Amino acid sequence: MASWYGAAHGVDIEGIDGTWAYGGLMGGPMLSWPISDKVDVDAKLMVGYVVAMLDIDGEDDTGDIGAAFDIGATLRYNFAARWALLVNLDYFNGNSKVFDRKRSISTINPTFGIGFRL
């Protein structure tokens, strides 16, 4: 499995507007276990890199490339031959330097949706 990701957030540092953004690329294995005829559990572990940027009042620093990992699990309910309901939980962690300081980026991402199985 692979993931190409990115996020951006507005920040206010002592009354000065800015943008904090990060992105990267990761890959790794995904394993699936059938729980019943219609329910599967997927587990994944991905490793890769992250690049961070902090832009404050037009002064930006793209930072260094740092290591990142993501670990997660998905519960799939296959309600039709090719369709499934998905409930997912991921933990992401990465490190990068911005303005010569090491920054740790950590997120917990709960998601849900509908998937089409190929």
Protein backbone atom coordinates (compact mmCIF):
# COMPACT_ATOMS: atom_id res chain seq x y z
CA MET A 1 0.00 0.00 0.00
CA ALA A 2 1.14 3.57 -0.59
CA SER A 3 0.11 7.03 0.56
CA TRP A 4 0.84 10.46 -0.89
CA TYR A 5 -0.40 12.96 1.68
CA GLY A 6 -0.45 16.60 2.68
CA ALA A 7 -2.16 19.04 5.01
CA ALA A 8 -2.12 22.79 5.65
CA HIS A 9 -3.36 24.83 8.59
CA GLY A 10 -3.59 28.57 9.23
CA VAL A 11 -1.66 29.86 12.26
CA ASP A 12 -1.56 33.11 14.22
CA ILE A 13 1.83 33.75 15.87
CA GLU A 14 1.76 36.87 18.04
CA GLY A 15 -0.75 38.55 15.72
CA ILE A 16 1.05 37.57 12.49
CA ASP A 17 -0.83 35.27 10.12
CA GLY A 18 0.88 32.29 8.61
CA THR A 19 0.51 28.77 7.22
CA TRP A 20 1.87 25.51 8.64
CA ALA A 21 1.93 22.73 6.02
CA TYR A 22 3.39 19.26 5.64
CA GLY A 23 3.36 16.46 3.09
CA GLY A 24 5.20 13.36 1.98
CA LEU A 25 5.16 9.86 0.57
CA MET A 26 4.99 6.49 2.38
CA GLY A 27 4.58 2.81 1.60
CA GLY A 28 4.39 -0.56 3.34
CA PRO A 29 2.47 -3.80 3.84
CA MET A 30 -1.25 -4.27 4.50
CA LEU A 31 -2.64 -7.51 5.89
CA SER A 32 -6.33 -8.55 5.86
CA TRP A 33 -8.19 -11.04 8.06
CA PRO A 34 -11.75 -12.23 7.41
CA ILE A 35 -13.89 -12.05 10.57
CA SER A 36 -17.06 -13.39 8.89
CA ASP A 37 -18.48 -13.73 5.37
CA LYS A 38 -19.10 -9.97 5.21
CA VAL A 39 -16.60 -8.44 7.67
CA ASP A 40 -12.82 -8.04 7.25
CA VAL A 41 -10.14 -6.32 9.34
CA ASP A 42 -7.17 -4.68 7.58
CA ALA A 43 -3.92 -3.68 9.34
CA LYS A 44 -1.19 -1.54 7.79
CA LEU A 45 2.25 -0.17 8.59
CA MET A 46 3.82 2.40 6.30
CA VAL A 47 7.17 4.21 6.46
CA GLY A 48 8.45 7.09 4.37
CA TYR A 49 9.26 10.77 4.60
CA VAL A 50 7.71 14.10 5.55
CA VAL A 51 8.56 17.67 4.47
CA ALA A 52 7.28 20.59 6.55
CA MET A 53 6.89 24.30 5.77
CA LEU A 54 6.10 27.29 7.94
CA ASP A 55 5.23 30.49 6.05
CA ILE A 56 4.92 33.55 8.30
CA ASP A 57 4.26 36.94 6.69
CA GLY A 58 5.85 35.88 3.40
CA GLU A 59 9.00 34.42 5.01
CA ASP A 60 8.92 30.68 4.34
CA ASP A 61 11.24 27.86 5.34
CA THR A 62 10.67 24.54 3.59
CA GLY A 63 12.59 22.63 6.25
CA ASP A 64 14.36 19.34 5.89
CA ILE A 65 13.09 15.95 4.84
CA GLY A 66 12.42 13.77 7.88
CA ALA A 67 11.32 10.21 8.62
CA ALA A 68 7.64 9.33 9.10
CA PHE A 69 5.48 6.31 9.86
CA ASP A 70 1.78 5.46 9.89
CA ILE A 71 0.10 2.54 11.64
CA GLY A 72 -3.60 1.86 11.22
CA ALA A 73 -6.53 -0.53 11.11
CA THR A 74 -9.72 -0.66 9.05
CA LEU A 75 -12.96 -2.53 9.68
CA ARG A 76 -14.69 -3.39 6.35
CA TYR A 77 -18.33 -4.43 6.08
CA ASN A 78 -18.89 -5.84 2.55
CA PHE A 79 -22.57 -5.08 1.97
CA ALA A 80 -22.52 -5.92 -1.78
CA ALA A 81 -20.30 -7.80 -4.23
CA ARG A 82 -18.04 -4.77 -4.85
CA TRP A 83 -19.09 -2.25 -2.16
CA ALA A 84 -18.04 -1.92 1.48
CA LEU A 85 -18.58 0.38 4.46
CA LEU A 86 -15.27 1.38 6.05
CA VAL A 87 -14.32 2.51 9.57
CA ASN A 88 -10.64 3.38 9.92
CA LEU A 89 -8.22 4.61 12.61
CA ASP A 90 -4.64 5.73 11.81
CA TYR A 91 -1.77 7.12 13.89
CA PHE A 92 0.80 9.19 11.95
CA ASN A 93 4.14 10.51 13.26
CA GLY A 94 6.90 12.36 11.45
CA ASN A 95 9.84 14.66 12.20
CA SER A 96 11.27 17.57 10.21
CA LYS A 97 13.28 20.74 10.85
CA VAL A 98 11.63 24.14 10.41
CA PHE A 99 13.57 27.34 11.17
CA ASP A 100 16.44 25.12 12.44
CA ARG A 101 14.27 23.49 15.11
CA LYS A 102 13.16 19.87 15.09
CA ARG A 103 9.35 19.61 14.77
CA SER A 104 7.32 16.51 15.53
CA ILE A 105 4.08 16.02 13.64
CA SER A 106 1.61 13.55 15.18
CA THR A 107 -2.00 12.92 14.21
CA ILE A 108 -4.75 10.47 15.05
CA ASN A 109 -7.13 10.16 12.09
CA PRO A 110 -10.49 8.46 12.50
CA THR A 111 -12.30 8.13 9.14
CA PHE A 112 -15.32 6.37 7.68
CA GLY A 113 -16.69 5.99 4.21
CA ILE A 114 -17.80 3.76 1.36
CA GLY A 115 -15.30 1.78 -0.70
CA PHE A 116 -15.45 0.17 -4.13
CA ARG A 117 -13.53 -3.13 -4.30
CA LEU A 118 -11.75 -3.93 -7.56
